Amino acid sequence: MSLPLFYSPKQLRLTRLWVVVCFGVVAVGVVAVLVTYPSWQLALSAACVVAAMRFAWVAVGTRLAPLHTEVPASTYLRSGIPVALTLILFSLGAWLFSLGAMN
């Protein structure tokens, strides 16, 4: 059985491009601050942002179209794991960035 994905192939390419651009800008900013004011908090923040970008890339490709009767709920739950990991890692990176900025 083929799962109904949320994005068409063209929309998927465009969405992944935007994910890379948005996270790339944030990652470049964190690395620029890390080079200027080196600290372990900023290094971990940069690592979290880069890892979050990877999970966001996966999350876009695994997002399922909502409310299909033939798709079990466990499949929807599994497709939400990359989204949750993206949010957790990005939030952790932002928190670490704020700690690094306090020093």
PDB file of N, CA and C in Angstrom:
ATOM      1  N   MET A   1       0.846  -1.180   0.000  1.00  0.00           N
ATOM      2  CA  MET A   1       0.000   0.000   0.000  1.00  0.00           C
ATOM      3  C   MET A   1       0.893   1.245   0.000  1.00  0.00           C
ATOM      4  N   SER A   2       0.623   2.152  -0.880  1.00  0.00           N
ATOM      5  CA  SER A   2       1.374   3.404  -0.950  1.00  0.00           C
ATOM      6  C   SER A   2       0.717   4.439  -0.039  1.00  0.00           C
ATOM      7  N   LEU A   3       1.535   5.071   0.771  1.00  0.00           N
ATOM      8  CA  LEU A   3       1.000   6.066   1.699  1.00  0.00           C
ATOM      9  C   LEU A   3       0.776   7.390   0.982  1.00  0.00           C
ATOM     10  N   PRO A   4      -0.329   8.068   1.275  1.00  0.00           N
ATOM     11  CA  PRO A   4      -0.602   9.363   0.646  1.00  0.00           C
ATOM     12  C   PRO A   4       0.257  10.462   1.269  1.00  0.00           C
ATOM     13  N   LEU A   5       1.235  10.964   0.535  1.00  0.00           N
ATOM     14  CA  LEU A   5       2.110  12.019   1.050  1.00  0.00           C
ATOM     15  C   LEU A   5       1.450  13.380   0.894  1.00  0.00           C
ATOM     16  N   PHE A   6       1.863  14.300   1.731  1.00  0.00           N
ATOM     17  CA  PHE A   6       1.264  15.638   1.765  1.00  0.00           C
ATOM     18  C   PHE A   6       1.710  16.495   0.582  1.00  0.00           C
ATOM     19  N   TYR A   7       2.945  16.310   0.122  1.00  0.00           N
ATOM     20  CA  TYR A   7       3.503  17.160  -0.929  1.00  0.00           C
ATOM     21  C   TYR A   7       3.664  16.393  -2.235  1.00  0.00           C
ATOM     22  N   SER A   8       3.479  17.090  -3.341  1.00  0.00           N
ATOM     23  CA  SER A   8       3.818  16.542  -4.646  1.00  0.00           C
ATOM     24  C   SER A   8       5.342  16.621  -4.801  1.00  0.00           C
ATOM     25  N   PRO A   9       5.934  15.919  -5.790  1.00  0.00           N
ATOM     26  CA  PRO A   9       7.400  15.985  -5.945  1.00  0.00           C
ATOM     27  C   PRO A   9       7.927  17.409  -6.149  1.00  0.00           C
ATOM     28  N   LYS A  10       7.215  18.239  -6.889  1.00  0.00           N
ATOM     29  CA  LYS A  10       7.658  19.621  -7.104  1.00  0.00           C
ATOM     30  C   LYS A  10       7.583  20.427  -5.807  1.00  0.00           C
ATOM     31  N   GLN A  11       6.494  20.258  -5.072  1.00  0.00           N
ATOM     32  CA  GLN A  11       6.354  20.961  -3.798  1.00  0.00           C
ATOM     33  C   GLN A  11       7.395  20.479  -2.787  1.00  0.00           C
ATOM     34  N   LEU A  12       7.726  19.191  -2.847  1.00  0.00           N
ATOM     35  CA  LEU A  12       8.724  18.641  -1.943  1.00  0.00           C
ATOM     36  C   LEU A  12      10.089  19.269  -2.198  1.00  0.00           C
ATOM     37  N   ARG A  13      10.488  19.403  -3.457  1.00  0.00           N
ATOM     38  CA  ARG A  13      11.768  20.039  -3.780  1.00  0.00           C
ATOM     39  C   ARG A  13      11.794  21.485  -3.308  1.00  0.00           C
ATOM     40  N   LEU A  14      10.719  22.225  -3.552  1.00  0.00           N
ATOM     41  CA  LEU A  14      10.654  23.622  -3.150  1.00  0.00           C
ATOM     42  C   LEU A  14      10.677  23.764  -1.625  1.00  0.00           C
ATOM     43  N   THR A  15       9.943  22.911  -0.937  1.00  0.00           N
ATOM     44  CA  THR A  15       9.906  22.973   0.523  1.00  0.00           C
ATOM     45  C   THR A  15      11.259  22.622   1.119  1.00  0.00           C
ATOM     46  N   ARG A  16      11.920  21.606   0.562  1.00  0.00           N
ATOM     47  CA  ARG A  16      13.250  21.254   1.066  1.00  0.00           C
ATOM     48  C   ARG A  16      14.254  22.363   0.793  1.00  0.00           C
ATOM     49  N   LEU A  17      14.110  23.063  -0.331  1.00  0.00           N
ATOM     50  CA  LEU A  17      14.985  24.198  -0.609  1.00  0.00           C
ATOM     51  C   LEU A  17      14.808  25.272   0.453  1.00  0.00           C
ATOM     52  N   TRP A  18      13.568  25.576   0.815  1.00  0.00           N
ATOM     53  CA  TRP A  18      13.310  26.574   1.845  1.00  0.00           C
ATOM     54  C   TRP A  18      13.818  26.132   3.207  1.00  0.00           C
ATOM     55  N   VAL A  19      13.707  24.838   3.509  1.00  0.00           N
ATOM     56  CA  VAL A  19      14.248  24.323   4.773  1.00  0.00           C
ATOM     57  C   VAL A  19      15.754  24.564   4.839  1.00  0.00           C
ATOM     58  N   VAL A  20      16.448  24.250   3.750  1.00  0.00           N
ATOM     59  CA  VAL A  20      17.898  24.430   3.715  1.00  0.00           C
ATOM     60  C   VAL A  20      18.264  25.910   3.814  1.00  0.00           C
ATOM     61  N   VAL A  21      17.540  26.768   3.112  1.00  0.00           N
ATOM     62  CA  VAL A  21      17.844  28.203   3.151  1.00  0.00           C
ATOM     63  C   VAL A  21      17.619  28.765   4.557  1.00  0.00           C
ATOM     64  N   CYS A  22      16.472  28.478   5.149  1.00  0.00           N
ATOM     65  CA  CYS A  22      16.158  29.040   6.475  1.00  0.00           C
ATOM     66  C   CYS A  22      17.109  28.525   7.550  1.00  0.00           C
ATOM     67  N   PHE A  23      17.284  27.214   7.617  1.00  0.00           N
ATOM     68  CA  PHE A  23      18.191  26.665   8.615  1.00  0.00           C
ATOM     69  C   PHE A  23      19.636  27.034   8.307  1.00  0.00           C
ATOM     70  N   GLY A  24      19.973  27.147   7.035  1.00  0.00           N
ATOM     71  CA  GLY A  24      21.334  27.541   6.662  1.00  0.00           C
ATOM     72  C   GLY A  24      21.687  28.931   7.144  1.00  0.00           C
ATOM     73  N   VAL A  25      20.741  29.867   7.026  1.00  0.00           N
ATOM     74  CA  VAL A  25      20.973  31.233   7.505  1.00  0.00           C
ATOM     75  C   VAL A  25      21.189  31.231   9.016  1.00  0.00           C
ATOM     76  N   VAL A  26      20.375  30.476   9.733  1.00  0.00           N
ATOM     77  CA  VAL A  26      20.531  30.394  11.188  1.00  0.00           C
ATOM     78  C   VAL A  26      21.869  29.743  11.541  1.00  0.00           C
ATOM     79  N   ALA A  27      22.216  28.664  10.839  1.00  0.00           N
ATOM     80  CA  ALA A  27      23.475  27.961  11.127  1.00  0.00           C
ATOM     81  C   ALA A  27      24.683  28.856  10.846  1.00  0.00           C
ATOM     82  N   VAL A  28      24.650  29.596   9.751  1.00  0.00           N
ATOM     83  CA  VAL A  28      25.766  30.510   9.441  1.00  0.00           C
ATOM     84  C   VAL A  28      25.872  31.585  10.522  1.00  0.00           C
ATOM     85  N   GLY A  29      24.747  32.090  10.987  1.00  0.00           N
ATOM     86  CA  GLY A  29      24.768  33.086  12.059  1.00  0.00           C
ATOM     87  C   GLY A  29      25.353  32.540  13.351  1.00  0.00           C
ATOM     88  N   VAL A  30      24.970  31.326  13.707  1.00  0.00           N
ATOM     89  CA  VAL A  30      25.502  30.715  14.936  1.00  0.00           C
ATOM     90  C   VAL A  30      27.000  30.462  14.801  1.00  0.00           C
ATOM     91  N   VAL A  31      27.430  29.978  13.648  1.00  0.00           N
ATOM     92  CA  VAL A  31      28.859  29.723  13.441  1.00  0.00           C
ATOM     93  C   VAL A  31      29.649  31.034  13.450  1.00  0.00           C
ATOM     94  N   ALA A  32      29.072  32.109  12.890  1.00  0.00           N
ATOM     95  CA  ALA A  32      29.750  33.409  12.904  1.00  0.00           C
ATOM     96  C   ALA A  32      29.934  33.905  14.338  1.00  0.00           C
ATOM     97  N   VAL A  33      28.913  33.737  15.161  1.00  0.00           N
ATOM     98  CA  VAL A  33      29.036  34.137  16.563  1.00  0.00           C
ATOM     99  C   VAL A  33      30.023  33.227  17.283  1.00  0.00           C
ATOM    100  N   LEU A  34      30.013  31.930  16.947  1.00  0.00           N
ATOM    101  CA  LEU A  34      30.951  30.989  17.564  1.00  0.00           C
ATOM    102  C   LEU A  34      32.398  31.361  17.258  1.00  0.00           C
ATOM    103  N   VAL A  35      32.669  31.784  16.035  1.00  0.00           N
ATOM    104  CA  VAL A  35      34.032  32.178  15.664  1.00  0.00           C
ATOM    105  C   VAL A  35      34.419  33.462  16.392  1.00  0.00           C
ATOM    106  N   THR A  36      33.463  34.366  16.544  1.00  0.00           N
ATOM    107  CA  THR A  36      33.740  35.642  17.197  1.00  0.00           C
ATOM    108  C   THR A  36      33.909  35.495  18.712  1.00  0.00           C
ATOM    109  N   TYR A  37      33.000  34.747  19.340  1.00  0.00           N
ATOM    110  CA  TYR A  37      33.034  34.548  20.790  1.00  0.00           C
ATOM    111  C   TYR A  37      32.982  33.045  21.076  1.00  0.00           C
ATOM    112  N   PRO A  38      34.111  32.354  21.000  1.00  0.00           N
ATOM    113  CA  PRO A  38      34.077  30.891  21.169  1.00  0.00           C
ATOM    114  C   PRO A  38      33.652  30.470  22.581  1.00  0.00           C
ATOM    115  N   SER A  39      32.727  29.520  22.643  1.00  0.00           N
ATOM    116  CA  SER A  39      32.320  28.913  23.908  1.00  0.00           C
ATOM    117  C   SER A  39      31.693  27.560  23.610  1.00  0.00           C
ATOM    118  N   TRP A  40      31.634  26.708  24.616  1.00  0.00           N
ATOM    119  CA  TRP A  40      31.083  25.373  24.403  1.00  0.00           C
ATOM    120  C   TRP A  40      29.579  25.442  24.170  1.00  0.00           C
ATOM    121  N   GLN A  41      28.907  26.445  24.753  1.00  0.00           N
ATOM    122  CA  GLN A  41      27.462  26.573  24.541  1.00  0.00           C
ATOM    123  C   GLN A  41      27.148  26.875  23.076  1.00  0.00           C
ATOM    124  N   LEU A  42      27.936  27.756  22.482  1.00  0.00           N
ATOM    125  CA  LEU A  42      27.706  28.101  21.081  1.00  0.00           C
ATOM    126  C   LEU A  42      28.077  26.950  20.155  1.00  0.00           C
ATOM    127  N   ALA A  43      29.083  26.168  20.524  1.00  0.00           N
ATOM    128  CA  ALA A  43      29.442  24.997  19.719  1.00  0.00           C
ATOM    129  C   ALA A  43      28.316  23.966  19.739  1.00  0.00           C
ATOM    130  N   LEU A  44      27.752  23.718  20.920  1.00  0.00           N
ATOM    131  CA  LEU A  44      26.618  22.796  20.998  1.00  0.00           C
ATOM    132  C   LEU A  44      25.384  23.355  20.301  1.00  0.00           C
ATOM    133  N   SER A  45      25.199  24.657  20.375  1.00  0.00           N
ATOM    134  CA  SER A  45      24.084  25.294  19.684  1.00  0.00           C
ATOM    135  C   SER A  45      24.203  25.095  18.178  1.00  0.00           C
ATOM    136  N   ALA A  46      25.397  25.272  17.639  1.00  0.00           N
ATOM    137  CA  ALA A  46      25.608  25.058  16.200  1.00  0.00           C
ATOM    138  C   ALA A  46      25.341  23.608  15.821  1.00  0.00           C
ATOM    139  N   ALA A  47      25.789  22.673  16.649  1.00  0.00           N
ATOM    140  CA  ALA A  47      25.551  21.255  16.373  1.00  0.00           C
ATOM    141  C   ALA A  47      24.060  20.931  16.404  1.00  0.00           C
ATOM    142  N   CYS A  48      23.326  21.511  17.348  1.00  0.00           N
ATOM    143  CA  CYS A  48      21.878  21.275  17.430  1.00  0.00           C
ATOM    144  C   CYS A  48      21.154  21.835  16.214  1.00  0.00           C
ATOM    145  N   VAL A  49      21.543  23.007  15.758  1.00  0.00           N
ATOM    146  CA  VAL A  49      20.885  23.611  14.596  1.00  0.00           C
ATOM    147  C   VAL A  49      21.136  22.786  13.338  1.00  0.00           C
ATOM    148  N   VAL A  50      22.363  22.306  13.164  1.00  0.00           N
ATOM    149  CA  VAL A  50      22.668  21.482  11.994  1.00  0.00           C
ATOM    150  C   VAL A  50      21.910  20.155  12.063  1.00  0.00           C
ATOM    151  N   ALA A  51      21.825  19.543  13.248  1.00  0.00           N
ATOM    152  CA  ALA A  51      21.066  18.304  13.396  1.00  0.00           C
ATOM    153  C   ALA A  51      19.574  18.546  13.173  1.00  0.00           C
ATOM    154  N   ALA A  52      19.070  19.674  13.644  1.00  0.00           N
ATOM    155  CA  ALA A  52      17.657  19.999  13.426  1.00  0.00           C
ATOM    156  C   ALA A  52      17.364  20.170  11.942  1.00  0.00           C
ATOM    157  N   MET A  53      18.327  20.734  11.195  1.00  0.00           N
ATOM    158  CA  MET A  53      18.128  20.889   9.751  1.00  0.00           C
ATOM    159  C   MET A  53      17.996  19.526   9.095  1.00  0.00           C
ATOM    160  N   ARG A  54      18.783  18.566   9.523  1.00  0.00           N
ATOM    161  CA  ARG A  54      18.709  17.220   8.955  1.00  0.00           C
ATOM    162  C   ARG A  54      17.356  16.577   9.249  1.00  0.00           C
ATOM    163  N   PHE A  55      16.874  16.700  10.480  1.00  0.00           N
ATOM    164  CA  PHE A  55      15.570  16.130  10.813  1.00  0.00           C
ATOM    165  C   PHE A  55      14.441  16.853  10.091  1.00  0.00           C
ATOM    166  N   ALA A  56      14.573  18.161   9.876  1.00  0.00           N
ATOM    167  CA  ALA A  56      13.553  18.898   9.123  1.00  0.00           C
ATOM    168  C   ALA A  56      13.512  18.416   7.678  1.00  0.00           C
ATOM    169  N   TRP A  57      14.677  18.114   7.101  1.00  0.00           N
ATOM    170  CA  TRP A  57      14.750  17.586   5.728  1.00  0.00           C
ATOM    171  C   TRP A  57      13.976  16.266   5.643  1.00  0.00           C
ATOM    172  N   VAL A  58      14.163  15.401   6.632  1.00  0.00           N
ATOM    173  CA  VAL A  58      13.477  14.113   6.654  1.00  0.00           C
ATOM    174  C   VAL A  58      11.989  14.311   6.917  1.00  0.00           C
ATOM    175  N   ALA A  59      11.646  15.231   7.818  1.00  0.00           N
ATOM    176  CA  ALA A  59      10.249  15.451   8.190  1.00  0.00           C
ATOM    177  C   ALA A  59       9.413  15.907   7.001  1.00  0.00           C
ATOM    178  N   VAL A  60       9.988  16.736   6.152  1.00  0.00           N
ATOM    179  CA  VAL A  60       9.249  17.222   4.988  1.00  0.00           C
ATOM    180  C   VAL A  60       8.908  16.070   4.050  1.00  0.00           C
ATOM    181  N   GLY A  61       9.819  15.139   3.881  1.00  0.00           N
ATOM    182  CA  GLY A  61       9.591  14.027   2.969  1.00  0.00           C
ATOM    183  C   GLY A  61       8.689  12.937   3.507  1.00  0.00           C
ATOM    184  N   THR A  62       8.501  12.878   4.828  1.00  0.00           N
ATOM    185  CA  THR A  62       7.677  11.817   5.415  1.00  0.00           C
ATOM    186  C   THR A  62       6.322  12.307   5.894  1.00  0.00           C
ATOM    187  N   ARG A  63       6.025  13.564   5.665  1.00  0.00           N
ATOM    188  CA  ARG A  63       4.747  14.100   6.125  1.00  0.00           C
ATOM    189  C   ARG A  63       3.609  13.471   5.329  1.00  0.00           C
ATOM    190  N   LEU A  64       2.622  12.973   6.036  1.00  0.00           N
ATOM    191  CA  LEU A  64       1.496  12.294   5.405  1.00  0.00           C
ATOM    192  C   LEU A  64       0.303  13.223   5.277  1.00  0.00           C
ATOM    193  N   ALA A  65      -0.497  12.975   4.246  1.00  0.00           N
ATOM    194  CA  ALA A  65      -1.743  13.731   4.088  1.00  0.00           C
ATOM    195  C   ALA A  65      -2.683  13.356   5.234  1.00  0.00           C
ATOM    196  N   PRO A  66      -3.410  14.326   5.774  1.00  0.00           N
ATOM    197  CA  PRO A  66      -4.210  14.056   6.968  1.00  0.00           C
ATOM    198  C   PRO A  66      -5.492  13.265   6.690  1.00  0.00           C
ATOM    199  N   LEU A  67      -5.885  12.491   7.687  1.00  0.00           N
ATOM    200  CA  LEU A  67      -7.189  11.841   7.784  1.00  0.00           C
ATOM    201  C   LEU A  67      -7.545  10.925   6.616  1.00  0.00           C
ATOM    202  N   HIS A  68      -6.690   9.969   6.343  1.00  0.00           N
ATOM    203  CA  HIS A  68      -7.014   8.910   5.389  1.00  0.00           C
ATOM    204  C   HIS A  68      -7.420   7.676   6.172  1.00  0.00           C
ATOM    205  N   THR A  69      -8.525   7.082   5.786  1.00  0.00           N
ATOM    206  CA  THR A  69      -9.066   5.960   6.570  1.00  0.00           C
ATOM    207  C   THR A  69      -8.202   4.713   6.484  1.00  0.00           C
ATOM    208  N   GLU A  70      -7.459   4.518   5.390  1.00  0.00           N
ATOM    209  CA  GLU A  70      -6.662   3.300   5.259  1.00  0.00           C
ATOM    210  C   GLU A  70      -5.299   3.385   5.938  1.00  0.00           C
ATOM    211  N   VAL A  71      -4.962   4.536   6.490  1.00  0.00           N
ATOM    212  CA  VAL A  71      -3.664   4.710   7.145  1.00  0.00           C
ATOM    213  C   VAL A  71      -3.861   4.579   8.659  1.00  0.00           C
ATOM    214  N   PRO A  72      -3.146   3.634   9.294  1.00  0.00           N
ATOM    215  CA  PRO A  72      -3.302   3.477  10.745  1.00  0.00           C
ATOM    216  C   PRO A  72      -2.700   4.658  11.513  1.00  0.00           C
ATOM    217  N   ALA A  73      -3.206   4.848  12.723  1.00  0.00           N
ATOM    218  CA  ALA A  73      -2.762   5.977  13.545  1.00  0.00           C
ATOM    219  C   ALA A  73      -1.276   5.869  13.894  1.00  0.00           C
ATOM    220  N   SER A  74      -0.766   4.652  14.033  1.00  0.00           N
ATOM    221  CA  SER A  74       0.646   4.480  14.383  1.00  0.00           C
ATOM    222  C   SER A  74       1.557   5.016  13.274  1.00  0.00           C
ATOM    223  N   THR A  75       1.101   4.959  12.043  1.00  0.00           N
ATOM    224  CA  THR A  75       1.887   5.498  10.931  1.00  0.00           C
ATOM    225  C   THR A  75       1.966   7.011  11.021  1.00  0.00           C
ATOM    226  N   TYR A  76       0.850   7.649  11.368  1.00  0.00           N
ATOM    227  CA  TYR A  76       0.874   9.102  11.572  1.00  0.00           C
ATOM    228  C   TYR A  76       1.790   9.478  12.726  1.00  0.00           C
ATOM    229  N   LEU A  77       1.765   8.679  13.766  1.00  0.00           N
ATOM    230  CA  LEU A  77       2.609   8.945  14.934  1.00  0.00           C
ATOM    231  C   LEU A  77       4.088   8.845  14.557  1.00  0.00           C
ATOM    232  N   ARG A  78       4.460   7.812  13.792  1.00  0.00           N
ATOM    233  CA  ARG A  78       5.846   7.661  13.359  1.00  0.00           C
ATOM    234  C   ARG A  78       6.279   8.789  12.432  1.00  0.00           C
ATOM    235  N   SER A  79       5.369   9.294  11.610  1.00  0.00           N
ATOM    236  CA  SER A  79       5.748  10.388  10.705  1.00  0.00           C
ATOM    237  C   SER A  79       5.927  11.705  11.463  1.00  0.00           C
ATOM    238  N   GLY A  80       5.437  11.785  12.688  1.00  0.00           N
ATOM    239  CA  GLY A  80       5.597  12.994  13.494  1.00  0.00           C
ATOM    240  C   GLY A  80       6.882  13.035  14.304  1.00  0.00           C
ATOM    241  N   ILE A  81       7.606  11.922  14.368  1.00  0.00           N
ATOM    242  CA  ILE A  81       8.839  11.871  15.153  1.00  0.00           C
ATOM    243  C   ILE A  81       9.898  12.835  14.622  1.00  0.00           C
ATOM    244  N   PRO A  82      10.172  12.884  13.299  1.00  0.00           N
ATOM    245  CA  PRO A  82      11.171  13.858  12.836  1.00  0.00           C
ATOM    246  C   PRO A  82      10.780  15.312  13.111  1.00  0.00           C
ATOM    247  N   VAL A  83       9.487  15.597  13.072  1.00  0.00           N
ATOM    248  CA  VAL A  83       9.028  16.966  13.368  1.00  0.00           C
ATOM    249  C   VAL A  83       9.306  17.295  14.834  1.00  0.00           C
ATOM    250  N   ALA A  84       8.992  16.360  15.718  1.00  0.00           N
ATOM    251  CA  ALA A  84       9.241  16.588  17.146  1.00  0.00           C
ATOM    252  C   ALA A  84      10.736  16.736  17.425  1.00  0.00           C
ATOM    253  N   LEU A  85      11.565  15.918  16.789  1.00  0.00           N
ATOM    254  CA  LEU A  85      13.010  16.033  16.984  1.00  0.00           C
ATOM    255  C   LEU A  85      13.546  17.362  16.453  1.00  0.00           C
ATOM    256  N   THR A  86      12.980  17.839  15.341  1.00  0.00           N
ATOM    257  CA  THR A  86      13.384  19.142  14.814  1.00  0.00           C
ATOM    258  C   THR A  86      13.085  20.241  15.827  1.00  0.00           C
ATOM    259  N   LEU A  87      11.885  20.240  16.369  1.00  0.00           N
ATOM    260  CA  LEU A  87      11.504  21.268  17.345  1.00  0.00           C
ATOM    261  C   LEU A  87      12.348  21.189  18.614  1.00  0.00           C
ATOM    262  N   ILE A  88      12.594  19.985  19.092  1.00  0.00           N
ATOM    263  CA  ILE A  88      13.385  19.817  20.314  1.00  0.00           C
ATOM    264  C   ILE A  88      14.817  20.293  20.098  1.00  0.00           C
ATOM    265  N   LEU A  89      15.433  19.864  19.013  1.00  0.00           N
ATOM    266  CA  LEU A  89      16.831  20.254  18.767  1.00  0.00           C
ATOM    267  C   LEU A  89      16.974  21.750  18.496  1.00  0.00           C
ATOM    268  N   PHE A  90      16.049  22.320  17.742  1.00  0.00           N
ATOM    269  CA  PHE A  90      16.133  23.753  17.470  1.00  0.00           C
ATOM    270  C   PHE A  90      15.923  24.557  18.750  1.00  0.00           C
ATOM    271  N   SER A  91      14.980  24.132  19.588  1.00  0.00           N
ATOM    272  CA  SER A  91      14.754  24.817  20.873  1.00  0.00           C
ATOM    273  C   SER A  91      15.966  24.695  21.787  1.00  0.00           C
ATOM    274  N   LEU A  92      16.563  23.508  21.837  1.00  0.00           N
ATOM    275  CA  LEU A  92      17.768  23.321  22.637  1.00  0.00           C
ATOM    276  C   LEU A  92      18.906  24.191  22.112  1.00  0.00           C
ATOM    277  N   GLY A  93      19.043  24.277  20.791  1.00  0.00           N
ATOM    278  CA  GLY A  93      20.069  25.132  20.197  1.00  0.00           C
ATOM    279  C   GLY A  93      19.855  26.600  20.525  1.00  0.00           C
ATOM    280  N   ALA A  94      18.593  27.040  20.495  1.00  0.00           N
ATOM    281  CA  ALA A  94      18.281  28.432  20.834  1.00  0.00           C
ATOM    282  C   ALA A  94      18.578  28.706  22.307  1.00  0.00           C
ATOM    283  N   TRP A  95      18.256  27.760  23.175  1.00  0.00           N
ATOM    284  CA  TRP A  95      18.529  27.929  24.604  1.00  0.00           C
ATOM    285  C   TRP A  95      20.035  27.993  24.857  1.00  0.00           C
ATOM    286  N   LEU A  96      20.788  27.104  24.229  1.00  0.00           N
ATOM    287  CA  LEU A  96      22.241  27.127  24.379  1.00  0.00           C
ATOM    288  C   LEU A  96      22.840  28.406  23.807  1.00  0.00           C
ATOM    289  N   PHE A  97      22.264  28.898  22.721  1.00  0.00           N
ATOM    290  CA  PHE A  97      22.739  30.158  22.140  1.00  0.00           C
ATOM    291  C   PHE A  97      22.535  31.299  23.127  1.00  0.00           C
ATOM    292  N   SER A  98      21.389  31.318  23.799  1.00  0.00           N
ATOM    293  CA  SER A  98      21.151  32.382  24.775  1.00  0.00           C
ATOM    294  C   SER A  98      22.098  32.268  25.955  1.00  0.00           C
ATOM    295  N   LEU A  99      22.462  31.046  26.360  1.00  0.00           N
ATOM    296  CA  LEU A  99      23.442  30.887  27.434  1.00  0.00           C
ATOM    297  C   LEU A  99      24.819  31.358  27.006  1.00  0.00           C
ATOM    298  N   GLY A 100      25.189  31.041  25.758  1.00  0.00           N
ATOM    299  CA  GLY A 100      26.493  31.482  25.244  1.00  0.00           C
ATOM    300  C   GLY A 100      26.571  32.983  25.105  1.00  0.00           C
ATOM    301  N   ALA A 101      25.452  33.624  24.809  1.00  0.00           N
ATOM    302  CA  ALA A 101      25.434  35.073  24.654  1.00  0.00           C
ATOM    303  C   ALA A 101      25.556  35.782  25.995  1.00  0.00           C
ATOM    304  N   MET A 102      25.259  35.086  27.102  1.00  0.00           N
ATOM    305  CA  MET A 102      25.349  35.701  28.426  1.00  0.00           C
ATOM    306  C   MET A 102      26.797  35.836  28.891  1.00  0.00           C
ATOM    307  N   ASN A 103      27.677  35.027  28.368  1.00  0.00           N
ATOM    308  CA  ASN A 103      29.068  35.047  28.841  1.00  0.00           C
ATOM    309  C   ASN A 103      29.815  36.251  28.353  1.00  0.00           C
TER     310      ASN A 103
END
